[in-house]
C-alpha cells in the first residue's frame, strides 16, 4: 500500500546566483525526508511535482507533491530503488538494484513499472525522461559496478541509441527535454569531466568557468540547463545556464551544492551538504515570479545561441 508522509521544510532563504549580467534570485526551501539525514531531489515537472530518493545506505524512491506529501515509489521486489526524473504526465524514470546486486534502469508509466536495460550490458541507470517517455541514462557492458565502461544512451520504445561523444573514459546522459535535446557529461580522463549539450546529434560543451569537473544534469523545454562544477578550492557548486549565460547557484551555508533538475518555470531542485554533514534536498523558486523572467529569458536566447556556437562542434552522433 502506498504511504503518504509529510515533507519537512526549513525556513525560506534568498539566494542570488553570481553573474556579471542579469542575475536570477531565488527563494530556497530545504526538504528533509522525515526521520532521515539523507535526501536528494533529482527532477521537477511543471506542476512542481518532484522526483527523488532518501536513505544513504538503503535508497528508497519517492515522488513529492508540494507542499507536504511524499509518495514512496520503488520498483517491486528491489533491494534499493531511486526515482531520478519526472515528466509532465507524472511518469518517472529511475534506478533499482535487484536482490542479486545488479543495477537496472526503470520507468513508471501509466501505473506500471518496466525495466529499461540496454541489451548486452551488465549495469544500467535511467536518469531522465521527457513527455514522450523517451529516457536517457547510461550503461556498462563490462563492469557490473558501473564505475568503468560507462556509455551514455537515449532509449525510445525499447530502441537504444548510444551517444557518440569526444574520446572519453565514461559518459552519462542525465536529462532530456521534449525537443529531444540531451544534457549530461563525459570524462576526457579518469579525473576530469565536461558537461555536454546534444542538439540533434550536434555536441557542444557545457563547462562553467573552465572547471576541470563539470556535469550538466537537467534541461527544461525552454533550454535552461542546470548542473554542478568543481572550483579551484575543490568545492562542488551548482550552476544555472540561461540562454548561454552561466551563473553559480549555491545554498547559503552549504559545503557543496548540486542542481539536478529544472522545469519550464525556472524552478530548481537538487541537494546540498549542510553544516551538520547531512545531505538535504532543496526547491528554489525564482524571484520575481516566472512571468517577469520570461521576457528576460527570451532576450537571452539569441545570446545563448551565439555563445554556444563559439564553443564549437565537438562530435556528431552516428
C-alpha atoms as a PDB file:
ATOM      1  CA  UNK A   1       0.000   0.000   0.000  1.00  0.00           C
ATOM      2  CA  UNK A   2       1.301   3.457  -0.844  1.00  0.00           C
ATOM      3  CA  UNK A   3       2.177   5.579   2.169  1.00  0.00           C
ATOM      4  CA  UNK A   4       1.973   9.347   2.329  1.00  0.00           C
ATOM      5  CA  UNK A   5       4.234  11.308   4.630  1.00  0.00           C
ATOM      6  CA  UNK A   6       4.573  14.978   5.407  1.00  0.00           C
ATOM      7  CA  UNK A   7       7.518  16.882   3.983  1.00  0.00           C
ATOM      8  CA  UNK A   8       9.660  18.932   6.345  1.00  0.00           C
ATOM      9  CA  UNK A   9      10.526  22.452   5.158  1.00  0.00           C
ATOM     10  CA  UNK A  10      13.181  24.645   6.662  1.00  0.00           C
ATOM     11  CA  UNK A  11      12.860  28.409   6.795  1.00  0.00           C
ATOM     12  CA  UNK A  12      12.951  30.089   3.379  1.00  0.00           C
ATOM     13  CA  UNK A  13      16.164  31.808   2.382  1.00  0.00           C
ATOM     14  CA  UNK A  14      17.003  34.070  -0.536  1.00  0.00           C
ATOM     15  CA  UNK A  15      19.797  33.005  -2.872  1.00  0.00           C
ATOM     16  CA  UNK A  16      21.258  35.180  -5.610  1.00  0.00           C
ATOM     17  CA  UNK A  17      23.366  33.425  -8.227  1.00  0.00           C
ATOM     18  CA  UNK A  18      26.536  35.286  -9.196  1.00  0.00           C
ATOM     19  CA  UNK A  19      26.873  36.765 -12.672  1.00  0.00           C
ATOM     20  CA  UNK A  20      28.130  39.878 -14.426  1.00  0.00           C
ATOM     21  CA  UNK A  21      24.788  40.182 -16.247  1.00  0.00           C
ATOM     22  CA  UNK A  22      21.161  39.919 -15.128  1.00  0.00           C
ATOM     23  CA  UNK A  23      21.246  37.740 -12.028  1.00  0.00           C
ATOM     24  CA  UNK A  24      18.343  35.437 -11.143  1.00  0.00           C
ATOM     25  CA  UNK A  25      17.386  35.312  -7.462  1.00  0.00           C
ATOM     26  CA  UNK A  26      15.513  32.520  -5.724  1.00  0.00           C
ATOM     27  CA  UNK A  27      13.668  31.676  -2.568  1.00  0.00           C
ATOM     28  CA  UNK A  28      15.016  28.353  -1.332  1.00  0.00           C
ATOM     29  CA  UNK A  29      13.317  25.744   0.847  1.00  0.00           C
ATOM     30  CA  UNK A  30      15.173  22.816   2.374  1.00  0.00           C
ATOM     31  CA  UNK A  31      13.479  19.417   2.103  1.00  0.00           C
ATOM     32  CA  UNK A  32      14.293  16.585   4.513  1.00  0.00           C
ATOM     33  CA  UNK A  33      12.549  13.237   4.361  1.00  0.00           C
ATOM     34  CA  UNK A  34      11.030  12.713   7.824  1.00  0.00           C
ATOM     35  CA  UNK A  35      13.380  10.907  10.178  1.00  0.00           C
ATOM     36  CA  UNK A  36      16.228  10.757   7.665  1.00  0.00           C
ATOM     37  CA  UNK A  37      19.505  12.651   7.256  1.00  0.00           C
ATOM     38  CA  UNK A  38      19.927  11.914   3.534  1.00  0.00           C
ATOM     39  CA  UNK A  39      17.535  13.346   0.909  1.00  0.00           C
ATOM     40  CA  UNK A  40      18.167  14.110  -2.751  1.00  0.00           C
ATOM     41  CA  UNK A  41      15.707  15.842  -5.103  1.00  0.00           C
ATOM     42  CA  UNK A  42      16.535  14.994  -8.713  1.00  0.00           C
ATOM     43  CA  UNK A  43      13.755  16.161 -11.053  1.00  0.00           C
ATOM     44  CA  UNK A  44      10.779  18.545 -11.158  1.00  0.00           C
ATOM     45  CA  UNK A  45       7.916  18.930 -13.636  1.00  0.00           C
ATOM     46  CA  UNK A  46       5.784  21.969 -14.493  1.00  0.00           C
ATOM     47  CA  UNK A  47       3.256  21.085 -11.771  1.00  0.00           C
ATOM     48  CA  UNK A  48       6.155  21.318  -9.280  1.00  0.00           C
ATOM     49  CA  UNK A  49       5.947  17.581  -8.554  1.00  0.00           C
ATOM     50  CA  UNK A  50       9.372  16.274  -7.627  1.00  0.00           C
ATOM     51  CA  UNK A  51      11.273  13.007  -8.076  1.00  0.00           C
ATOM     52  CA  UNK A  52      13.891  11.912  -5.568  1.00  0.00           C
ATOM     53  CA  UNK A  53      15.077   9.399  -3.003  1.00  0.00           C
ATOM     54  CA  UNK A  54      16.198   9.177   0.594  1.00  0.00           C
ATOM     55  CA  UNK A  55      18.429   6.889   2.657  1.00  0.00           C
ATOM     56  CA  UNK A  56      22.210   6.805   2.375  1.00  0.00           C
ATOM     57  CA  UNK A  57      22.525   3.066   2.998  1.00  0.00           C
ATOM     58  CA  UNK A  58      19.182   1.737   1.714  1.00  0.00           C
ATOM     59  CA  UNK A  59      17.939   4.060  -1.028  1.00  0.00           C
ATOM     60  CA  UNK A  60      14.164   4.407  -1.377  1.00  0.00           C
ATOM     61  CA  UNK A  61      12.488   6.419  -4.129  1.00  0.00           C
ATOM     62  CA  UNK A  62       9.621   8.867  -3.787  1.00  0.00           C
ATOM     63  CA  UNK A  63       7.508  11.445  -5.582  1.00  0.00           C
ATOM     64  CA  UNK A  64       6.969  14.652  -3.627  1.00  0.00           C
ATOM     65  CA  UNK A  65       3.813  16.695  -4.098  1.00  0.00           C
ATOM     66  CA  UNK A  66       4.339  20.134  -2.621  1.00  0.00           C
ATOM     67  CA  UNK A  67       3.895  21.323  -0.017  1.00  0.00           C
ATOM     68  CA  UNK A  68       3.606  18.307   2.255  1.00  0.00           C
ATOM     69  CA  UNK A  69       3.227  14.833   0.717  1.00  0.00           C
ATOM     70  CA  UNK A  70       5.807  12.133  -0.062  1.00  0.00           C
ATOM     71  CA  UNK A  71       4.573   9.108  -2.009  1.00  0.00           C
ATOM     72  CA  UNK A  72       7.071   6.213  -1.912  1.00  0.00           C
ATOM     73  CA  UNK A  73       7.866   4.821  -5.356  1.00  0.00           C
ATOM     74  CA  UNK A  74      10.056   1.720  -5.503  1.00  0.00           C
ATOM     75  CA  UNK A  75      10.482  -0.962  -8.138  1.00  0.00           C
ATOM     76  CA  UNK A  76       8.657  -4.102  -6.915  1.00  0.00           C
ATOM     77  CA  UNK A  77      10.944  -6.638  -5.226  1.00  0.00           C
ATOM     78  CA  UNK A  78      14.007  -4.409  -5.395  1.00  0.00           C
ATOM     79  CA  UNK A  79      16.671  -4.202  -2.719  1.00  0.00           C
ATOM     80  CA  UNK A  80      17.074  -0.444  -3.257  1.00  0.00           C
ATOM     81  CA  UNK A  81      15.323   1.987  -5.547  1.00  0.00           C
ATOM     82  CA  UNK A  82      15.595   5.629  -6.656  1.00  0.00           C
ATOM     83  CA  UNK A  83      13.258   7.907  -8.608  1.00  0.00           C
ATOM     84  CA  UNK A  84      15.503  10.093 -10.746  1.00  0.00           C
ATOM     85  CA  UNK A  85      13.227  12.060 -13.109  1.00  0.00           C
ATOM     86  CA  UNK A  86       9.582  13.003 -13.697  1.00  0.00           C
ATOM     87  CA  UNK A  87       7.779  14.337 -16.775  1.00  0.00           C
ATOM     88  CA  UNK A  88       4.678  16.495 -17.123  1.00  0.00           C
ATOM     89  CA  UNK A  89       2.356  13.468 -17.324  1.00  0.00           C
ATOM     90  CA  UNK A  90       3.649  12.186 -13.979  1.00  0.00           C
ATOM     91  CA  UNK A  91       5.640   9.317 -15.496  1.00  0.00           C
ATOM     92  CA  UNK A  92       9.022   8.716 -13.900  1.00  0.00           C
ATOM     93  CA  UNK A  93      12.401   7.181 -14.594  1.00  0.00           C
ATOM     94  CA  UNK A  94      14.660   5.614 -12.039  1.00  0.00           C
ATOM     95  CA  UNK A  95      17.158   3.053 -10.850  1.00  0.00           C
ATOM     96  CA  UNK A  96      16.769  -0.128  -8.878  1.00  0.00           C
ATOM     97  CA  UNK A  97      19.163  -2.749  -7.551  1.00  0.00           C
ATOM     98  CA  UNK A  98      17.847  -6.309  -7.502  1.00  0.00           C
ATOM     99  CA  UNK A  99      18.459  -8.854  -4.745  1.00  0.00           C
ATOM    100  CA  UNK A 100      21.483 -10.189  -6.647  1.00  0.00           C
ATOM    101  CA  UNK A 101      23.088  -6.744  -6.564  1.00  0.00           C
ATOM    102  CA  UNK A 102      22.617  -5.813 -10.241  1.00  0.00           C
ATOM    103  CA  UNK A 103      21.711  -2.223 -11.104  1.00  0.00           C
ATOM    104  CA  UNK A 104      18.882  -1.612 -13.606  1.00  0.00           C
ATOM    105  CA  UNK A 105      17.103   1.341 -15.133  1.00  0.00           C
ATOM    106  CA  UNK A 106      13.324   1.533 -14.946  1.00  0.00           C
ATOM    107  CA  UNK A 107      10.282   3.624 -15.807  1.00  0.00           C
ATOM    108  CA  UNK A 108       6.925   4.033 -14.119  1.00  0.00           C
ATOM    109  CA  UNK A 109       4.364   4.884 -16.815  1.00  0.00           C
ATOM    110  CA  UNK A 110       0.589   4.587 -16.549  1.00  0.00           C
ATOM    111  CA  UNK A 111       0.832   2.856 -13.197  1.00  0.00           C
ATOM    112  CA  UNK A 112       3.192   0.126 -14.448  1.00  0.00           C
ATOM    113  CA  UNK A 113       6.889  -0.451 -13.841  1.00  0.00           C
ATOM    114  CA  UNK A 114       9.195  -1.538 -16.656  1.00  0.00           C
ATOM    115  CA  UNK A 115      12.892  -2.444 -16.567  1.00  0.00           C
ATOM    116  CA  UNK A 116      14.946  -0.350 -19.006  1.00  0.00           C
ATOM    117  CA  UNK A 117      18.238  -2.165 -19.682  1.00  0.00           C
ATOM    118  CA  UNK A 118      20.344  -1.861 -22.813  1.00  0.00           C
ATOM    119  CA  UNK A 119      20.853  -5.324 -24.363  1.00  0.00           C
ATOM    120  CA  UNK A 120      24.279  -6.873 -23.792  1.00  0.00           C
ATOM    121  CA  UNK A 121      25.054  -4.783 -20.707  1.00  0.00           C
ATOM    122  CA  UNK A 122      25.621  -5.640 -17.044  1.00  0.00           C
ATOM    123  CA  UNK A 123      24.854  -2.250 -15.447  1.00  0.00           C
ATOM    124  CA  UNK A 124      22.162   0.341 -16.214  1.00  0.00           C
ATOM    125  CA  UNK A 125      20.758   3.587 -14.834  1.00  0.00           C
ATOM    126  CA  UNK A 126      17.814   5.577 -16.256  1.00  0.00           C
ATOM    127  CA  UNK A 127      18.292   9.241 -15.344  1.00  0.00           C
ATOM    128  CA  UNK A 128      15.936  11.369 -17.455  1.00  0.00           C
ATOM    129  CA  UNK A 129      12.514  11.173 -19.131  1.00  0.00           C
ATOM    130  CA  UNK A 130      10.546  13.552 -21.376  1.00  0.00           C
ATOM    131  CA  UNK A 131       6.808  13.803 -22.039  1.00  0.00           C
ATOM    132  CA  UNK A 132       7.070  11.251 -24.861  1.00  0.00           C
ATOM    133  CA  UNK A 133       8.546   8.736 -22.372  1.00  0.00           C
ATOM    134  CA  UNK A 134      11.922   8.800 -24.128  1.00  0.00           C
ATOM    135  CA  UNK A 135      14.563   8.142 -21.496  1.00  0.00           C
ATOM    136  CA  UNK A 136      18.269   8.816 -21.186  1.00  0.00           C
ATOM    137  CA  UNK A 137      20.875   7.235 -18.975  1.00  0.00           C
ATOM    138  CA  UNK A 138      23.968   5.113 -19.241  1.00  0.00           C
ATOM    139  CA  UNK A 139      25.092   1.510 -19.215  1.00  0.00           C
ATOM    140  CA  UNK A 140      28.227  -0.576 -18.970  1.00  0.00           C
ATOM    141  CA  UNK A 141      28.798  -3.766 -20.922  1.00  0.00           C
ATOM    142  CA  UNK A 142      31.842  -4.757 -18.900  1.00  0.00           C
ATOM    143  CA  UNK A 143      31.618  -3.530 -15.300  1.00  0.00           C
ATOM    144  CA  UNK A 144      28.759  -4.670 -13.023  1.00  0.00           C
ATOM    145  CA  UNK A 145      29.668  -1.871 -10.592  1.00  0.00           C
ATOM    146  CA  UNK A 146      29.194   0.773 -13.310  1.00  0.00           C
ATOM    147  CA  UNK A 147      32.448   2.521 -12.447  1.00  0.00           C
ATOM    148  CA  UNK A 148      34.103   1.903 -15.819  1.00  0.00           C
ATOM    149  CA  UNK A 149      32.934   1.469 -19.379  1.00  0.00           C
ATOM    150  CA  UNK A 150      30.038   3.917 -18.936  1.00  0.00           C
ATOM    151  CA  UNK A 151      28.256   4.772 -22.199  1.00  0.00           C
ATOM    152  CA  UNK A 152      25.542   7.433 -22.432  1.00  0.00           C
ATOM    153  CA  UNK A 153      22.374   6.397 -24.268  1.00  0.00           C
ATOM    154  CA  UNK A 154      18.925   7.505 -25.390  1.00  0.00           C
ATOM    155  CA  UNK A 155      16.064   4.987 -25.312  1.00  0.00           C
ATOM    156  CA  UNK A 156      12.714   5.244 -27.095  1.00  0.00           C
ATOM    157  CA  UNK A 157      10.154   2.405 -27.320  1.00  0.00           C
ATOM    158  CA  UNK A 158      12.828  -0.121 -26.402  1.00  0.00           C
ATOM    159  CA  UNK A 159      15.338   1.080 -29.006  1.00  0.00           C
ATOM    160  CA  UNK A 160      18.669   2.235 -27.550  1.00  0.00           C
ATOM    161  CA  UNK A 161      20.971   4.733 -29.254  1.00  0.00           C
ATOM    162  CA  UNK A 162      24.412   5.270 -27.768  1.00  0.00           C
ATOM    163  CA  UNK A 163      25.673   8.844 -27.887  1.00  0.00           C
ATOM    164  CA  UNK A 164      28.980   9.406 -29.659  1.00  0.00           C
ATOM    165  CA  UNK A 165      30.981  11.840 -27.547  1.00  0.00           C
ATOM    166  CA  UNK A 166      34.588  13.040 -27.724  1.00  0.00           C
ATOM    167  CA  UNK A 167      37.179  10.479 -26.642  1.00  0.00           C
ATOM    168  CA  UNK A 168      36.240   9.684 -23.070  1.00  0.00           C
ATOM    169  CA  UNK A 169      36.663   7.326 -20.138  1.00  0.00           C
ATOM    170  CA  UNK A 170      32.977   7.386 -19.140  1.00  0.00           C
ATOM    171  CA  UNK A 171      29.825   9.255 -20.193  1.00  0.00           C
ATOM    172  CA  UNK A 172      26.330   9.696 -18.796  1.00  0.00           C
ATOM    173  CA  UNK A 173      23.183  11.216 -20.342  1.00  0.00           C
ATOM    174  CA  UNK A 174      21.183  12.734 -17.500  1.00  0.00           C
ATOM    175  CA  UNK A 175      18.408  14.998 -18.838  1.00  0.00           C
ATOM    176  CA  UNK A 176      16.210  15.238 -21.953  1.00  0.00           C
ATOM    177  CA  UNK A 177      13.513  17.741 -22.945  1.00  0.00           C
ATOM    178  CA  UNK A 178      10.554  17.427 -25.294  1.00  0.00           C
ATOM    179  CA  UNK A 179      12.597  18.621 -28.288  1.00  0.00           C
ATOM    180  CA  UNK A 180      14.958  15.703 -27.698  1.00  0.00           C
ATOM    181  CA  UNK A 181      17.839  17.894 -26.533  1.00  0.00           C
ATOM    182  CA  UNK A 182      20.038  15.913 -24.138  1.00  0.00           C
ATOM    183  CA  UNK A 183      22.449  17.011 -21.417  1.00  0.00           C
ATOM    184  CA  UNK A 184      24.979  15.022 -19.467  1.00  0.00           C
ATOM    185  CA  UNK A 185      28.714  14.757 -19.037  1.00  0.00           C
ATOM    186  CA  UNK A 186      31.715  12.779 -20.216  1.00  0.00           C
ATOM    187  CA  UNK A 187      35.199  12.216 -18.811  1.00  0.00           C
ATOM    188  CA  UNK A 188      38.140  13.085 -21.067  1.00  0.00           C
ATOM    189  CA  UNK A 189      40.322  11.500 -18.357  1.00  0.00           C
ATOM    190  CA  UNK A 190      39.617   9.485 -15.223  1.00  0.00           C
ATOM    191  CA  UNK A 191      39.826  12.639 -13.061  1.00  0.00           C
ATOM    192  CA  UNK A 192      38.149  15.301 -15.255  1.00  0.00           C
ATOM    193  CA  UNK A 193      34.668  15.807 -16.652  1.00  0.00           C
ATOM    194  CA  UNK A 194      32.896  18.142 -19.075  1.00  0.00           C
ATOM    195  CA  UNK A 195      29.195  18.773 -19.405  1.00  0.00           C
ATOM    196  CA  UNK A 196      27.624  18.415 -22.833  1.00  0.00           C
ATOM    197  CA  UNK A 197      24.538  19.519 -24.739  1.00  0.00           C
ATOM    198  CA  UNK A 198      23.310  17.303 -27.596  1.00  0.00           C
ATOM    199  CA  UNK A 199      21.002  19.077 -30.045  1.00  0.00           C
ATOM    200  CA  UNK A 200      20.049  16.813 -32.929  1.00  0.00           C
ATOM    201  CA  UNK A 201      23.296  14.885 -32.602  1.00  0.00           C
ATOM    202  CA  UNK A 202      25.486  18.013 -32.503  1.00  0.00           C
ATOM    203  CA  UNK A 203      27.517  18.021 -29.300  1.00  0.00           C
ATOM    204  CA  UNK A 204      28.703  21.209 -27.590  1.00  0.00           C
ATOM    205  CA  UNK A 205      30.394  21.609 -24.222  1.00  0.00           C
ATOM    206  CA  UNK A 206      28.845  22.997 -21.061  1.00  0.00           C
ATOM    207  CA  UNK A 207      31.842  23.920 -18.941  1.00  0.00           C
ATOM    208  CA  UNK A 208      31.189  26.570 -16.269  1.00  0.00           C
ATOM    209  CA  UNK A 209      34.163  28.843 -15.720  1.00  0.00           C
ATOM    210  CA  UNK A 210      36.638  26.370 -17.242  1.00  0.00           C
ATOM    211  CA  UNK A 211      36.101  23.842 -14.460  1.00  0.00           C
ATOM    212  CA  UNK A 212      38.043  20.599 -14.577  1.00  0.00           C
ATOM    213  CA  UNK A 213      34.963  18.675 -13.393  1.00  0.00           C
ATOM    214  CA  UNK A 214      31.575  19.862 -14.667  1.00  0.00           C
ATOM    215  CA  UNK A 215      28.292  17.993 -15.041  1.00  0.00           C
ATOM    216  CA  UNK A 216      25.187  19.131 -16.949  1.00  0.00           C
ATOM    217  CA  UNK A 217      22.322  17.379 -15.154  1.00  0.00           C
ATOM    218  CA  UNK A 218      18.988  18.832 -16.266  1.00  0.00           C
ATOM    219  CA  UNK A 219      17.374  20.762 -19.129  1.00  0.00           C
ATOM    220  CA  UNK A 220      13.968  22.416 -19.449  1.00  0.00           C
ATOM    221  CA  UNK A 221      11.801  22.716 -22.566  1.00  0.00           C
ATOM    222  CA  UNK A 222      12.987  26.344 -22.726  1.00  0.00           C
ATOM    223  CA  UNK A 223      16.597  25.188 -22.925  1.00  0.00           C
ATOM    224  CA  UNK A 224      17.667  26.216 -19.416  1.00  0.00           C
ATOM    225  CA  UNK A 225      20.451  23.905 -18.238  1.00  0.00           C
ATOM    226  CA  UNK A 226      21.491  23.125 -14.663  1.00  0.00           C
ATOM    227  CA  UNK A 227      24.252  21.094 -13.079  1.00  0.00           C
ATOM    228  CA  UNK A 228      27.372  21.265 -10.954  1.00  0.00           C
ATOM    229  CA  UNK A 229      31.004  22.316 -11.240  1.00  0.00           C
ATOM    230  CA  UNK A 230      34.147  21.922  -9.138  1.00  0.00           C
ATOM    231  CA  UNK A 231      36.010  25.124  -8.293  1.00  0.00           C
ATOM    232  CA  UNK A 232      39.740  25.656  -7.707  1.00  0.00           C
ATOM    233  CA  UNK A 233      39.275  25.013  -3.976  1.00  0.00           C
ATOM    234  CA  UNK A 234      37.762  21.599  -4.652  1.00  0.00           C
ATOM    235  CA  UNK A 235      34.229  22.727  -3.716  1.00  0.00           C
ATOM    236  CA  UNK A 236      31.228  21.473  -5.692  1.00  0.00           C
ATOM    237  CA  UNK A 237      28.924  24.315  -6.729  1.00  0.00           C
ATOM    238  CA  UNK A 238      25.638  24.327  -8.594  1.00  0.00           C
ATOM    239  CA  UNK A 239      25.115  26.283 -11.801  1.00  0.00           C
ATOM    240  CA  UNK A 240      22.293  27.655 -13.923  1.00  0.00           C
ATOM    241  CA  UNK A 241      22.728  28.232 -17.669  1.00  0.00           C
ATOM    242  CA  UNK A 242      20.039  30.567 -19.045  1.00  0.00           C
ATOM    243  CA  UNK A 243      20.499  31.249 -22.753  1.00  0.00           C
ATOM    244  CA  UNK A 244      24.202  30.508 -22.535  1.00  0.00           C
ATOM    245  CA  UNK A 245      24.775  32.862 -19.583  1.00  0.00           C
ATOM    246  CA  UNK A 246      26.059  30.729 -16.710  1.00  0.00           C
ATOM    247  CA  UNK A 247      25.702  31.698 -13.054  1.00  0.00           C
ATOM    248  CA  UNK A 248      26.703  29.891  -9.881  1.00  0.00           C
ATOM    249  CA  UNK A 249      23.942  28.673  -7.560  1.00  0.00           C
ATOM    250  CA  UNK A 250      24.890  27.692  -4.008  1.00  0.00           C
ATOM    251  CA  UNK A 251      22.644  27.179  -0.999  1.00  0.00           C
ATOM    252  CA  UNK A 252      23.663  29.525   1.811  1.00  0.00           C
ATOM    253  CA  UNK A 253      25.801  27.776   4.413  1.00  0.00           C
ATOM    254  CA  UNK A 254      26.265  24.621   2.334  1.00  0.00           C
ATOM    255  CA  UNK A 255      29.656  22.955   1.953  1.00  0.00           C
ATOM    256  CA  UNK A 256      28.613  21.706  -1.502  1.00  0.00           C
ATOM    257  CA  UNK A 257      25.590  22.177  -3.796  1.00  0.00           C
ATOM    258  CA  UNK A 258      24.300  20.238  -6.825  1.00  0.00           C
ATOM    259  CA  UNK A 259      21.436  21.489  -9.018  1.00  0.00           C
ATOM    260  CA  UNK A 260      19.870  18.415 -10.591  1.00  0.00           C
ATOM    261  CA  UNK A 261      16.575  19.466 -12.193  1.00  0.00           C
ATOM    262  CA  UNK A 262      14.728  22.457 -13.675  1.00  0.00           C
ATOM    263  CA  UNK A 263      11.209  22.975 -15.013  1.00  0.00           C
ATOM    264  CA  UNK A 264       9.794  25.464 -17.527  1.00  0.00           C
ATOM    265  CA  UNK A 265       9.026  27.949 -14.732  1.00  0.00           C
ATOM    266  CA  UNK A 266      12.706  28.072 -13.809  1.00  0.00           C
ATOM    267  CA  UNK A 267      12.198  26.198 -10.529  1.00  0.00           C
ATOM    268  CA  UNK A 268      15.275  24.286  -9.452  1.00  0.00           C
ATOM    269  CA  UNK A 269      15.722  21.133  -7.383  1.00  0.00           C
ATOM    270  CA  UNK A 270      18.831  19.457  -6.104  1.00  0.00           C
ATOM    271  CA  UNK A 271      20.671  18.726  -2.886  1.00  0.00           C
ATOM    272  CA  UNK A 272      23.405  20.097  -0.651  1.00  0.00           C
ATOM    273  CA  UNK A 273      25.535  19.137   2.332  1.00  0.00           C
ATOM    274  CA  UNK A 274      24.625  21.172   5.411  1.00  0.00           C
ATOM    275  CA  UNK A 275      26.705  22.284   8.399  1.00  0.00           C
ATOM    276  CA  UNK A 276      25.992  19.007  10.189  1.00  0.00           C
ATOM    277  CA  UNK A 277      27.198  16.888   7.288  1.00  0.00           C
ATOM    278  CA  UNK A 278      23.659  15.849   6.305  1.00  0.00           C
ATOM    279  CA  UNK A 279      22.531  15.701   2.681  1.00  0.00           C
ATOM    280  CA  UNK A 280      19.360  17.785   2.252  1.00  0.00           C
ATOM    281  CA  UNK A 281      17.154  18.386  -0.757  1.00  0.00           C
ATOM    282  CA  UNK A 282      16.111  21.868  -1.850  1.00  0.00           C
ATOM    283  CA  UNK A 283      13.497  23.576  -4.014  1.00  0.00           C
ATOM    284  CA  UNK A 284      14.357  27.019  -5.412  1.00  0.00           C
ATOM    285  CA  UNK A 285      11.744  29.336  -6.933  1.00  0.00           C
ATOM    286  CA  UNK A 286      12.573  32.427  -8.986  1.00  0.00           C
ATOM    287  CA  UNK A 287      12.080  35.921  -7.572  1.00  0.00           C
ATOM    288  CA  UNK A 288      10.346  37.801  -9.160  1.00  0.00           C
ATOM    289  CA  UNK A 289       7.680  35.436 -10.464  1.00  0.00           C
ATOM    290  CA  UNK A 290       8.428  33.463 -13.660  1.00  0.00           C
ATOM    291  CA  UNK A 291       6.179  35.712 -15.826  1.00  0.00           C
ATOM    292  CA  UNK A 292       8.626  38.582 -15.304  1.00  0.00           C
ATOM    293  CA  UNK A 293      11.603  36.386 -16.091  1.00  0.00           C
ATOM    294  CA  UNK A 294      10.058  35.116 -19.333  1.00  0.00           C
ATOM    295  CA  UNK A 295      10.903  38.427 -21.004  1.00  0.00           C
ATOM    296  CA  UNK A 296      14.486  38.235 -19.761  1.00  0.00           C
ATOM    297  CA  UNK A 297      14.849  34.594 -20.809  1.00  0.00           C
ATOM    298  CA  UNK A 298      13.621  35.467 -24.300  1.00  0.00           C
ATOM    299  CA  UNK A 299      16.149  38.276 -24.560  1.00  0.00           C
ATOM    300  CA  UNK A 300      18.981  35.951 -23.579  1.00  0.00           C
ATOM    301  CA  UNK A 301      18.048  33.318 -26.155  1.00  0.00           C
ATOM    302  CA  UNK A 302      19.931  34.884 -29.037  1.00  0.00           C
ATOM    303  CA  UNK A 303      22.982  35.470 -26.874  1.00  0.00           C
ATOM    304  CA  UNK A 304      22.929  31.823 -25.835  1.00  0.00           C
ATOM    305  CA  UNK A 305      22.960  30.663 -29.454  1.00  0.00           C
ATOM    306  CA  UNK A 306      25.957  32.857 -30.136  1.00  0.00           C
ATOM    307  CA  UNK A 307      27.856  31.705 -27.047  1.00  0.00           C
ATOM    308  CA  UNK A 308      27.261  28.028 -27.747  1.00  0.00           C
ATOM    309  CA  UNK A 309      28.309  28.438 -31.382  1.00  0.00           C
ATOM    310  CA  UNK A 310      31.674  29.723 -30.150  1.00  0.00           C
ATOM    311  CA  UNK A 311      32.092  26.611 -28.014  1.00  0.00           C
ATOM    312  CA  UNK A 312      32.219  24.698 -31.240  1.00  0.00           C
ATOM    313  CA  UNK A 313      31.020  21.382 -32.543  1.00  0.00           C
ATOM    314  CA  UNK A 314      32.854  18.519 -30.841  1.00  0.00           C
ATOM    315  CA  UNK A 315      31.188  15.450 -32.306  1.00  0.00           C
ATOM    316  CA  UNK A 316      28.104  14.179 -34.056  1.00  0.00           C
ATOM    317  CA  UNK A 317      26.058  11.141 -33.259  1.00  0.00           C
ATOM    318  CA  UNK A 318      26.365   8.209 -35.640  1.00  0.00           C
END
